[in-house]
Amino acid sequence: MTNETKSAAQAAPQTIIARARQILRGPVLIGVIAALIAIGLSLYGMLTNPNATPLTLRSFLLVVVIAGGSWGLIAWAIATAAVEAGKD
């Protein structure tokens, strides 16, 4: 094995968490965290108040897409703008 091959083999992440840390950095990580929090709070709200919304697969999917998608996108956009403003 050459030195390049050894360093590439050692640099390869061993766990899923390590791989995710390499991919999710900066604004993307902030967006994903905000999306997960929004999904969790929305699902908690649905489960604690079943009279407000029916507990169906469609309602769960809508909560994930609408709550997670919107809050994740908004948090990512704000974090990206903050990073770009900091570069100036």
C-alpha atoms as a PDB file:
ATOM      1  CA  MET A   1       0.000   0.000   0.000  1.00  0.00           C
ATOM      2  CA  THR A   2       1.239   3.444  -0.818  1.00  0.00           C
ATOM      3  CA  ASN A   3       1.014   6.374   1.541  1.00  0.00           C
ATOM      4  CA  GLU A   4      -1.897   7.847  -0.422  1.00  0.00           C
ATOM      5  CA  THR A   5      -3.871   4.617  -0.181  1.00  0.00           C
ATOM      6  CA  LYS A   6      -3.177   4.280   3.545  1.00  0.00           C
ATOM      7  CA  SER A   7      -4.236   7.855   4.270  1.00  0.00           C
ATOM      8  CA  ALA A   8      -7.384   7.435   2.175  1.00  0.00           C
ATOM      9  CA  ALA A   9      -8.242   4.219   4.015  1.00  0.00           C
ATOM     10  CA  GLN A  10      -7.665   5.849   7.391  1.00  0.00           C
ATOM     11  CA  ALA A  11      -9.633   8.966   6.429  1.00  0.00           C
ATOM     12  CA  ALA A  12     -12.724   6.930   5.492  1.00  0.00           C
ATOM     13  CA  PRO A  13     -15.331   7.236   8.262  1.00  0.00           C
ATOM     14  CA  GLN A  14     -16.229   4.066  10.081  1.00  0.00           C
ATOM     15  CA  THR A  15     -19.682   4.956  11.377  1.00  0.00           C
ATOM     16  CA  ILE A  16     -22.806   6.570  10.010  1.00  0.00           C
ATOM     17  CA  ILE A  17     -22.431   9.469  12.439  1.00  0.00           C
ATOM     18  CA  ALA A  18     -18.919  10.184  11.210  1.00  0.00           C
ATOM     19  CA  ARG A  19     -20.126  10.153   7.599  1.00  0.00           C
ATOM     20  CA  ALA A  20     -22.972  12.502   8.460  1.00  0.00           C
ATOM     21  CA  ARG A  21     -20.560  14.902  10.161  1.00  0.00           C
ATOM     22  CA  GLN A  22     -18.512  15.096   6.979  1.00  0.00           C
ATOM     23  CA  ILE A  23     -21.547  15.837   4.828  1.00  0.00           C
ATOM     24  CA  LEU A  24     -23.508  18.049   7.215  1.00  0.00           C
ATOM     25  CA  ARG A  25     -21.448  21.108   8.018  1.00  0.00           C
ATOM     26  CA  GLY A  26     -22.344  24.724   8.637  1.00  0.00           C
ATOM     27  CA  PRO A  27     -25.681  25.968   7.312  1.00  0.00           C
ATOM     28  CA  VAL A  28     -26.829  22.531   6.165  1.00  0.00           C
ATOM     29  CA  LEU A  29     -26.354  21.128   9.659  1.00  0.00           C
ATOM     30  CA  ILE A  30     -28.328  24.010  11.145  1.00  0.00           C
ATOM     31  CA  GLY A  31     -31.143  23.441   8.642  1.00  0.00           C
ATOM     32  CA  VAL A  32     -31.310  19.715   9.394  1.00  0.00           C
ATOM     33  CA  ILE A  33     -31.349  20.299  13.155  1.00  0.00           C
ATOM     34  CA  ALA A  34     -34.132  22.893  12.824  1.00  0.00           C
ATOM     35  CA  ALA A  35     -36.113  20.528  10.596  1.00  0.00           C
ATOM     36  CA  LEU A  36     -35.795  17.660  13.077  1.00  0.00           C
ATOM     37  CA  ILE A  37     -36.877  19.875  15.966  1.00  0.00           C
ATOM     38  CA  ALA A  38     -39.870  21.157  13.991  1.00  0.00           C
ATOM     39  CA  ILE A  39     -40.905  17.639  12.997  1.00  0.00           C
ATOM     40  CA  GLY A  40     -40.591  16.419  16.576  1.00  0.00           C
ATOM     41  CA  LEU A  41     -42.635  19.279  18.014  1.00  0.00           C
ATOM     42  CA  SER A  42     -45.291  18.959  15.309  1.00  0.00           C
ATOM     43  CA  LEU A  43     -45.655  15.221  15.840  1.00  0.00           C
ATOM     44  CA  TYR A  44     -45.846  15.769  19.591  1.00  0.00           C
ATOM     45  CA  GLY A  45     -48.597  18.326  19.047  1.00  0.00           C
ATOM     46  CA  MET A  46     -50.503  15.944  16.794  1.00  0.00           C
ATOM     47  CA  LEU A  47     -50.275  13.082  19.243  1.00  0.00           C
ATOM     48  CA  THR A  48     -51.248  15.099  22.309  1.00  0.00           C
ATOM     49  CA  ASN A  49     -54.258  16.708  20.641  1.00  0.00           C
ATOM     50  CA  PRO A  50     -55.869  14.099  18.360  1.00  0.00           C
ATOM     51  CA  ASN A  51     -59.110  16.119  18.191  1.00  0.00           C
ATOM     52  CA  ALA A  52     -57.408  18.829  16.117  1.00  0.00           C
ATOM     53  CA  THR A  53     -56.106  16.542  13.356  1.00  0.00           C
ATOM     54  CA  PRO A  54     -56.872  12.969  12.401  1.00  0.00           C
ATOM     55  CA  LEU A  55     -54.084  10.508  13.092  1.00  0.00           C
ATOM     56  CA  THR A  56     -53.507   9.146   9.605  1.00  0.00           C
ATOM     57  CA  LEU A  57     -50.436   8.418   7.508  1.00  0.00           C
ATOM     58  CA  ARG A  58     -51.276  11.397   5.304  1.00  0.00           C
ATOM     59  CA  SER A  59     -51.327  13.804   8.237  1.00  0.00           C
ATOM     60  CA  PHE A  60     -48.004  12.461   9.515  1.00  0.00           C
ATOM     61  CA  LEU A  61     -46.416  12.903   6.077  1.00  0.00           C
ATOM     62  CA  LEU A  62     -47.805  16.421   5.776  1.00  0.00           C
ATOM     63  CA  VAL A  63     -46.367  17.319   9.171  1.00  0.00           C
ATOM     64  CA  VAL A  64     -42.968  16.022   8.130  1.00  0.00           C
ATOM     65  CA  VAL A  65     -42.982  17.790   4.774  1.00  0.00           C
ATOM     66  CA  ILE A  66     -44.549  21.095   5.789  1.00  0.00           C
ATOM     67  CA  ALA A  67     -43.066  21.598   9.253  1.00  0.00           C
ATOM     68  CA  GLY A  68     -39.684  20.025   8.600  1.00  0.00           C
ATOM     69  CA  GLY A  69     -39.290  21.401   5.107  1.00  0.00           C
ATOM     70  CA  SER A  70     -40.268  24.966   5.871  1.00  0.00           C
ATOM     71  CA  TRP A  71     -38.317  25.331   9.115  1.00  0.00           C
ATOM     72  CA  GLY A  72     -35.310  23.518   7.686  1.00  0.00           C
ATOM     73  CA  LEU A  73     -35.280  25.739   4.606  1.00  0.00           C
ATOM     74  CA  ILE A  74     -35.720  28.933   6.612  1.00  0.00           C
ATOM     75  CA  ALA A  75     -32.963  28.009   9.093  1.00  0.00           C
ATOM     76  CA  TRP A  76     -30.615  27.020   6.257  1.00  0.00           C
ATOM     77  CA  ALA A  77     -31.261  30.305   4.423  1.00  0.00           C
ATOM     78  CA  ILE A  78     -30.619  32.417   7.520  1.00  0.00           C
ATOM     79  CA  ALA A  79     -27.446  30.482   8.369  1.00  0.00           C
ATOM     80  CA  THR A  80     -26.200  30.781   4.786  1.00  0.00           C
ATOM     81  CA  ALA A  81     -26.834  34.531   4.781  1.00  0.00           C
ATOM     82  CA  ALA A  82     -24.983  34.867   8.079  1.00  0.00           C
ATOM     83  CA  VAL A  83     -21.991  32.946   6.730  1.00  0.00           C
ATOM     84  CA  GLU A  84     -21.910  35.015   3.538  1.00  0.00           C
ATOM     85  CA  ALA A  85     -22.211  38.257   5.498  1.00  0.00           C
ATOM     86  CA  GLY A  86     -19.352  37.172   7.722  1.00  0.00           C
ATOM     87  CA  LYS A  87     -17.090  36.666   4.693  1.00  0.00           C
ATOM     88  CA  ASP A  88     -17.391  40.332   3.681  1.00  0.00           C
END
